[in-house]
């Protein structure tokens, strides 16, 4: 069984567009708009670092790297499928 690669490295946060923005914006109530939070993320120089942090650490709530929980779930599913394909290919090689 594979262990989760949990990372606590967050120095990238010092360069984020959301630094100093009310965190509630990034954790809207269920069904509320995420548009404003995603706008803050647009053009952020550490957006991909933020997204990767959320993916690696299985963040289930909030907007991270400009993506909602549902969008991140899609990425995690696709990555799992990609890993399975690679492993299947390695088994046949």
Protein backbone atom coordinates (compact mmCIF):
# COMPACT_ATOMS: atom_id res chain seq x y z
CA UNK A 1 0.00 0.00 0.00
CA UNK A 2 1.28 3.43 -0.94
CA UNK A 3 1.68 6.11 1.74
CA UNK A 4 0.33 9.55 1.02
CA UNK A 5 3.01 12.11 0.31
CA UNK A 6 1.89 14.83 2.72
CA UNK A 7 3.85 18.03 2.51
CA UNK A 8 3.84 20.95 4.88
CA UNK A 9 6.18 23.15 2.82
CA UNK A 10 4.31 26.41 2.32
CA UNK A 11 6.93 29.08 1.60
CA UNK A 12 5.19 29.72 -1.73
CA UNK A 13 2.32 31.30 0.23
CA UNK A 14 4.43 34.42 0.80
CA UNK A 15 3.98 35.26 -2.90
CA UNK A 16 0.28 34.46 -3.25
CA UNK A 17 -2.35 36.90 -4.48
CA UNK A 18 -4.56 35.85 -1.58
CA UNK A 19 -2.09 36.90 1.09
CA UNK A 20 -4.06 39.18 3.40
CA UNK A 21 -7.42 38.39 1.79
CA UNK A 22 -10.18 37.16 4.11
CA UNK A 23 -9.93 33.35 4.09
CA UNK A 24 -13.74 33.07 4.17
CA UNK A 25 -13.71 34.09 0.50
CA UNK A 26 -11.94 30.82 -0.32
CA UNK A 27 -14.26 28.66 1.78
CA UNK A 28 -17.74 29.65 0.59
CA UNK A 29 -20.89 28.03 1.93
CA UNK A 30 -22.17 25.10 -0.09
CA UNK A 31 -23.81 26.38 -3.27
CA UNK A 32 -22.34 29.89 -2.94
CA UNK A 33 -20.36 31.42 -5.78
CA UNK A 34 -16.64 30.72 -6.09
CA UNK A 35 -16.16 33.33 -8.79
CA UNK A 36 -14.55 36.01 -6.59
CA UNK A 37 -12.06 33.57 -5.04
CA UNK A 38 -11.12 32.21 -8.46
CA UNK A 39 -10.58 35.77 -9.71
CA UNK A 40 -8.04 36.35 -6.92
CA UNK A 41 -6.22 33.22 -8.11
CA UNK A 42 -6.07 34.32 -11.74
CA UNK A 43 -2.56 35.38 -12.65
CA UNK A 44 -1.17 34.39 -9.26
CA UNK A 45 2.48 33.41 -9.65
CA UNK A 46 2.11 30.52 -7.19
CA UNK A 47 -1.27 29.26 -8.37
CA UNK A 48 0.15 25.91 -9.50
CA UNK A 49 2.09 25.49 -6.24
CA UNK A 50 -1.13 26.14 -4.32
CA UNK A 51 -3.08 23.69 -6.46
CA UNK A 52 -0.41 21.00 -6.11
CA UNK A 53 -0.32 21.51 -2.34
CA UNK A 54 -4.07 20.95 -2.19
CA UNK A 55 -3.88 17.87 -4.41
CA UNK A 56 -0.99 16.25 -2.56
CA UNK A 57 -2.55 16.94 0.83
CA UNK A 58 -6.08 15.93 -0.26
CA UNK A 59 -7.63 19.28 0.69
CA UNK A 60 -11.34 18.61 0.46
CA UNK A 61 -12.66 22.11 1.08
CA UNK A 62 -12.16 25.54 -0.39
CA UNK A 63 -10.66 27.08 -3.47
CA UNK A 64 -6.99 26.20 -3.94
CA UNK A 65 -5.01 27.20 -7.01
CA UNK A 66 -8.17 28.57 -8.56
CA UNK A 67 -10.01 25.25 -8.40
CA UNK A 68 -12.96 23.99 -6.39
CA UNK A 69 -13.18 20.68 -4.57
CA UNK A 70 -15.02 19.13 -7.52
CA UNK A 71 -12.38 20.30 -10.00
CA UNK A 72 -9.57 18.95 -7.81
CA UNK A 73 -11.39 15.62 -7.44
CA UNK A 74 -11.42 15.33 -11.23
CA UNK A 75 -7.66 15.91 -11.36
CA UNK A 76 -7.02 13.33 -8.62
CA UNK A 77 -9.15 10.76 -10.47
CA UNK A 78 -7.31 11.43 -13.72
CA UNK A 79 -3.93 11.13 -12.00
CA UNK A 80 -5.00 7.81 -10.45
CA UNK A 81 -6.04 6.52 -13.88
CA UNK A 82 -2.74 7.71 -15.37
CA UNK A 83 -0.81 5.88 -12.62
CA UNK A 84 -2.77 2.70 -13.31
CA UNK A 85 -1.96 2.93 -17.01
CA UNK A 86 1.74 3.43 -16.30
CA UNK A 87 1.79 0.53 -13.85
CA UNK A 88 -0.04 -1.72 -16.33
CA UNK A 89 2.42 -0.74 -19.04
CA UNK A 90 5.39 -1.44 -16.75
CA UNK A 91 3.95 -4.87 -15.92
CA UNK A 92 3.80 -5.78 -19.62
CA UNK A 93 7.24 -4.40 -20.49
